[in-house]
Amino acid sequence: MSRKQTTDLSFVADRVHPQTWTLFQSLRSRVRQLRGVSVKVKYEKQSGEATSAYYYQNRLLFNLHARGEEINATFHADQQARVKLVEDETLDWRFRDQVSKSTRAEFTLRTSKDLGPFMELVKAKYEHINQQATGTLPEIRPVAF
């Protein structure tokens, strides 16, 4: 990644514990594996505090607010993506339930154990966006009885 594309993350490092910083770096490295995902720094209206927002093809995937010992992730899904994600039984049922309630789902990430299911949700939305862009149908998986 070139120097121009690198985001200054000191706004996160300065306000989190070392364990949380490690978790943030782990999340960031997993997201960077998804080709075409970009990071933008946004500022909250009321506090002016910086947060990072992750986009794919100009569609917001999620944004992160890190403070102290935890990372709060807000996952964004439009109505069409929500339907697909809720129907995907390979995803953690708790995350599917959270997404089914609203177009914005809040998740708290404290350990790498929390990170795995969250990244599966992000990857599922990423693949959904790819399928819409290319016009391909999703892979039909056989259901075992």
C-alpha atoms as a PDB file:
ATOM      1  CA  MET A   1       0.000   0.000   0.000  1.00  0.00           C
ATOM      2  CA  SER A   2       1.458   3.327  -0.996  1.00  0.00           C
ATOM      3  CA  ARG A   3       2.092   6.122   1.498  1.00  0.00           C
ATOM      4  CA  LYS A   4      -0.796   8.156   0.033  1.00  0.00           C
ATOM      5  CA  GLN A   5      -3.300   5.383   0.720  1.00  0.00           C
ATOM      6  CA  THR A   6      -2.134   4.824   4.293  1.00  0.00           C
ATOM      7  CA  THR A   7      -4.382   6.325   6.935  1.00  0.00           C
ATOM      8  CA  ASP A   8      -2.849   7.883  10.054  1.00  0.00           C
ATOM      9  CA  LEU A   9      -4.243   5.775  12.872  1.00  0.00           C
ATOM     10  CA  SER A  10      -2.799   7.748  15.769  1.00  0.00           C
ATOM     11  CA  PHE A  11      -6.330   8.921  16.551  1.00  0.00           C
ATOM     12  CA  VAL A  12      -7.108   5.316  17.540  1.00  0.00           C
ATOM     13  CA  ALA A  13      -3.815   4.357  19.161  1.00  0.00           C
ATOM     14  CA  ASP A  14      -3.919   7.333  21.524  1.00  0.00           C
ATOM     15  CA  ARG A  15      -7.237   6.432  23.111  1.00  0.00           C
ATOM     16  CA  VAL A  16      -7.192   2.634  23.468  1.00  0.00           C
ATOM     17  CA  HIS A  17      -5.479   0.075  25.696  1.00  0.00           C
ATOM     18  CA  PRO A  18      -2.635  -1.980  24.173  1.00  0.00           C
ATOM     19  CA  GLN A  19      -4.825  -5.116  23.916  1.00  0.00           C
ATOM     20  CA  THR A  20      -7.498  -3.141  22.084  1.00  0.00           C
ATOM     21  CA  TRP A  21      -4.894  -1.677  19.742  1.00  0.00           C
ATOM     22  CA  THR A  22      -3.764  -5.219  18.889  1.00  0.00           C
ATOM     23  CA  LEU A  23      -7.372  -6.200  18.199  1.00  0.00           C
ATOM     24  CA  PHE A  24      -7.835  -3.101  16.022  1.00  0.00           C
ATOM     25  CA  GLN A  25      -4.701  -3.964  14.033  1.00  0.00           C
ATOM     26  CA  SER A  26      -5.940  -7.537  13.602  1.00  0.00           C
ATOM     27  CA  LEU A  27      -9.297  -6.286  12.324  1.00  0.00           C
ATOM     28  CA  ARG A  28      -7.579  -3.845  10.013  1.00  0.00           C
ATOM     29  CA  SER A  29      -5.326  -6.550   8.546  1.00  0.00           C
ATOM     30  CA  ARG A  30      -8.308  -8.832   7.897  1.00  0.00           C
ATOM     31  CA  VAL A  31     -10.206  -6.047   6.172  1.00  0.00           C
ATOM     32  CA  ARG A  32      -7.182  -5.204   4.021  1.00  0.00           C
ATOM     33  CA  GLN A  33      -7.351  -8.753   2.643  1.00  0.00           C
ATOM     34  CA  LEU A  34     -10.666  -7.831   1.019  1.00  0.00           C
ATOM     35  CA  ARG A  35      -9.697  -6.287  -2.292  1.00  0.00           C
ATOM     36  CA  GLY A  36     -11.086  -2.827  -2.952  1.00  0.00           C
ATOM     37  CA  VAL A  37     -12.090  -1.919   0.610  1.00  0.00           C
ATOM     38  CA  SER A  38     -11.157   1.645   1.519  1.00  0.00           C
ATOM     39  CA  VAL A  39     -10.938   3.418   4.874  1.00  0.00           C
ATOM     40  CA  LYS A  40     -12.088   6.954   5.516  1.00  0.00           C
ATOM     41  CA  VAL A  41     -11.725   8.923   8.705  1.00  0.00           C
ATOM     42  CA  LYS A  42     -14.937  10.615   9.761  1.00  0.00           C
ATOM     43  CA  TYR A  43     -15.586  12.964  12.639  1.00  0.00           C
ATOM     44  CA  GLU A  44     -18.587  12.735  14.943  1.00  0.00           C
ATOM     45  CA  LYS A  45     -20.781  15.824  14.847  1.00  0.00           C
ATOM     46  CA  GLN A  46     -21.184  16.345  18.581  1.00  0.00           C
ATOM     47  CA  SER A  47     -17.800  15.356  19.991  1.00  0.00           C
ATOM     48  CA  GLY A  48     -15.591  15.904  16.963  1.00  0.00           C
ATOM     49  CA  GLU A  49     -13.961  12.537  17.702  1.00  0.00           C
ATOM     50  CA  ALA A  50     -12.489  10.624  14.765  1.00  0.00           C
ATOM     51  CA  THR A  51     -13.882   7.248  13.710  1.00  0.00           C
ATOM     52  CA  SER A  52     -12.901   5.002  10.836  1.00  0.00           C
ATOM     53  CA  ALA A  53     -15.427   4.000   8.173  1.00  0.00           C
ATOM     54  CA  TYR A  54     -14.862   1.086   5.788  1.00  0.00           C
ATOM     55  CA  TYR A  55     -16.300   1.235   2.270  1.00  0.00           C
ATOM     56  CA  TYR A  56     -16.509  -1.134  -0.647  1.00  0.00           C
ATOM     57  CA  GLN A  57     -17.559   0.228  -4.059  1.00  0.00           C
ATOM     58  CA  ASN A  58     -18.795   3.429  -2.388  1.00  0.00           C
ATOM     59  CA  ARG A  59     -21.076   1.450  -0.064  1.00  0.00           C
ATOM     60  CA  LEU A  60     -20.519   1.653   3.667  1.00  0.00           C
ATOM     61  CA  LEU A  61     -19.712  -1.728   5.188  1.00  0.00           C
ATOM     62  CA  PHE A  62     -19.160  -0.667   8.789  1.00  0.00           C
ATOM     63  CA  ASN A  63     -17.576   1.971  10.952  1.00  0.00           C
ATOM     64  CA  LEU A  64     -15.516   1.636  14.114  1.00  0.00           C
ATOM     65  CA  HIS A  65     -15.320   3.648  17.270  1.00  0.00           C
ATOM     66  CA  ALA A  66     -12.498   2.515  19.556  1.00  0.00           C
ATOM     67  CA  ARG A  67     -12.120   3.741  23.092  1.00  0.00           C
ATOM     68  CA  GLY A  68     -10.517   2.170  26.161  1.00  0.00           C
ATOM     69  CA  GLU A  69     -10.949  -1.590  26.270  1.00  0.00           C
ATOM     70  CA  GLU A  70     -13.428  -2.109  23.459  1.00  0.00           C
ATOM     71  CA  ILE A  71     -14.205  -1.433  19.850  1.00  0.00           C
ATOM     72  CA  ASN A  72     -17.774  -0.592  18.899  1.00  0.00           C
ATOM     73  CA  ALA A  73     -18.572  -1.571  15.334  1.00  0.00           C
ATOM     74  CA  THR A  74     -21.679  -0.365  13.527  1.00  0.00           C
ATOM     75  CA  PHE A  75     -22.496  -2.671  10.626  1.00  0.00           C
ATOM     76  CA  HIS A  76     -24.593  -1.144   7.821  1.00  0.00           C
ATOM     77  CA  ALA A  77     -26.837  -3.162   5.511  1.00  0.00           C
ATOM     78  CA  ASP A  78     -29.479  -1.962   3.086  1.00  0.00           C
ATOM     79  CA  GLN A  79     -32.784  -3.830   2.884  1.00  0.00           C
ATOM     80  CA  GLN A  80     -31.674  -6.157   0.091  1.00  0.00           C
ATOM     81  CA  ALA A  81     -28.414  -7.067   1.831  1.00  0.00           C
ATOM     82  CA  ARG A  82     -30.248  -7.601   5.129  1.00  0.00           C
ATOM     83  CA  VAL A  83     -32.506 -10.221   3.557  1.00  0.00           C
ATOM     84  CA  LYS A  84     -29.522 -12.102   2.138  1.00  0.00           C
ATOM     85  CA  LEU A  85     -27.554 -11.941   5.393  1.00  0.00           C
ATOM     86  CA  VAL A  86     -30.465 -13.074   7.564  1.00  0.00           C
ATOM     87  CA  GLU A  87     -31.074 -16.060   5.274  1.00  0.00           C
ATOM     88  CA  ASP A  88     -27.397 -17.113   5.312  1.00  0.00           C
ATOM     89  CA  GLU A  89     -27.294 -19.886   7.899  1.00  0.00           C
ATOM     90  CA  THR A  90     -23.496 -20.083   7.803  1.00  0.00           C
ATOM     91  CA  LEU A  91     -23.353 -16.833   9.786  1.00  0.00           C
ATOM     92  CA  ASP A  92     -23.573 -16.707  13.584  1.00  0.00           C
ATOM     93  CA  TRP A  93     -27.254 -16.656  14.573  1.00  0.00           C
ATOM     94  CA  ARG A  94     -26.719 -13.803  17.056  1.00  0.00           C
ATOM     95  CA  PHE A  95     -25.315 -11.575  14.324  1.00  0.00           C
ATOM     96  CA  ARG A  96     -28.081 -12.545  11.895  1.00  0.00           C
ATOM     97  CA  ASP A  97     -30.650 -11.709  14.554  1.00  0.00           C
ATOM     98  CA  GLN A  98     -29.034  -8.324  15.188  1.00  0.00           C
ATOM     99  CA  VAL A  99     -28.980  -7.497  11.442  1.00  0.00           C
ATOM    100  CA  SER A 100     -32.612  -8.554  11.005  1.00  0.00           C
ATOM    101  CA  LYS A 101     -33.778  -5.864  13.451  1.00  0.00           C
ATOM    102  CA  SER A 102     -32.398  -2.787  11.700  1.00  0.00           C
ATOM    103  CA  THR A 103     -30.270  -1.503   8.831  1.00  0.00           C
ATOM    104  CA  ARG A 104     -27.657  -0.581  11.476  1.00  0.00           C
ATOM    105  CA  ALA A 105     -26.426  -3.266  13.828  1.00  0.00           C
ATOM    106  CA  GLU A 106     -24.153  -2.470  16.775  1.00  0.00           C
ATOM    107  CA  PHE A 107     -21.462  -4.928  17.866  1.00  0.00           C
ATOM    108  CA  THR A 108     -18.909  -4.725  20.663  1.00  0.00           C
ATOM    109  CA  LEU A 109     -15.530  -6.310  19.915  1.00  0.00           C
ATOM    110  CA  ARG A 110     -13.369  -6.991  22.969  1.00  0.00           C
ATOM    111  CA  THR A 111     -11.353 -10.049  21.952  1.00  0.00           C
ATOM    112  CA  SER A 112     -10.268 -11.842  18.805  1.00  0.00           C
ATOM    113  CA  LYS A 113     -13.032 -14.364  19.595  1.00  0.00           C
ATOM    114  CA  ASP A 114     -15.574 -11.622  18.785  1.00  0.00           C
ATOM    115  CA  LEU A 115     -13.711 -10.680  15.632  1.00  0.00           C
ATOM    116  CA  GLY A 116     -14.218 -13.944  13.716  1.00  0.00           C
ATOM    117  CA  PRO A 117     -18.038 -13.910  13.461  1.00  0.00           C
ATOM    118  CA  PHE A 118     -18.044 -10.167  12.759  1.00  0.00           C
ATOM    119  CA  MET A 119     -15.626 -10.611   9.856  1.00  0.00           C
ATOM    120  CA  GLU A 120     -17.793 -13.416   8.457  1.00  0.00           C
ATOM    121  CA  LEU A 121     -20.690 -10.959   8.400  1.00  0.00           C
ATOM    122  CA  VAL A 122     -18.534  -8.342   6.664  1.00  0.00           C
ATOM    123  CA  LYS A 123     -17.342 -10.882   4.088  1.00  0.00           C
ATOM    124  CA  ALA A 124     -20.929 -11.945   3.393  1.00  0.00           C
ATOM    125  CA  LYS A 125     -21.932  -8.348   2.648  1.00  0.00           C
ATOM    126  CA  TYR A 126     -18.761  -7.887   0.572  1.00  0.00           C
ATOM    127  CA  GLU A 127     -19.701 -10.930  -1.525  1.00  0.00           C
ATOM    128  CA  HIS A 128     -23.286  -9.676  -1.839  1.00  0.00           C
ATOM    129  CA  ILE A 129     -22.025  -6.365  -3.248  1.00  0.00           C
ATOM    130  CA  ASN A 130     -19.775  -8.272  -5.681  1.00  0.00           C
ATOM    131  CA  GLN A 131     -22.705 -10.383  -6.838  1.00  0.00           C
ATOM    132  CA  GLN A 132     -24.807  -7.288  -7.446  1.00  0.00           C
ATOM    133  CA  ALA A 133     -21.995  -5.589  -9.356  1.00  0.00           C
ATOM    134  CA  THR A 134     -21.239  -8.569 -11.592  1.00  0.00           C
ATOM    135  CA  GLY A 135     -24.836  -9.764 -11.925  1.00  0.00           C
ATOM    136  CA  THR A 136     -23.947 -13.299 -10.863  1.00  0.00           C
ATOM    137  CA  LEU A 137     -26.205 -15.506  -8.824  1.00  0.00           C
ATOM    138  CA  PRO A 138     -25.041 -16.754  -5.429  1.00  0.00           C
ATOM    139  CA  GLU A 139     -23.740 -20.283  -5.122  1.00  0.00           C
ATOM    140  CA  ILE A 140     -26.561 -22.663  -4.209  1.00  0.00           C
ATOM    141  CA  ARG A 141     -25.471 -24.952  -1.417  1.00  0.00           C
ATOM    142  CA  PRO A 142     -27.203 -28.317  -0.976  1.00  0.00           C
ATOM    143  CA  VAL A 143     -29.031 -28.735   2.296  1.00  0.00           C
ATOM    144  CA  ALA A 144     -28.446 -32.007   4.155  1.00  0.00           C
ATOM    145  CA  PHE A 145     -31.423 -33.619   5.847  1.00  0.00           C
END
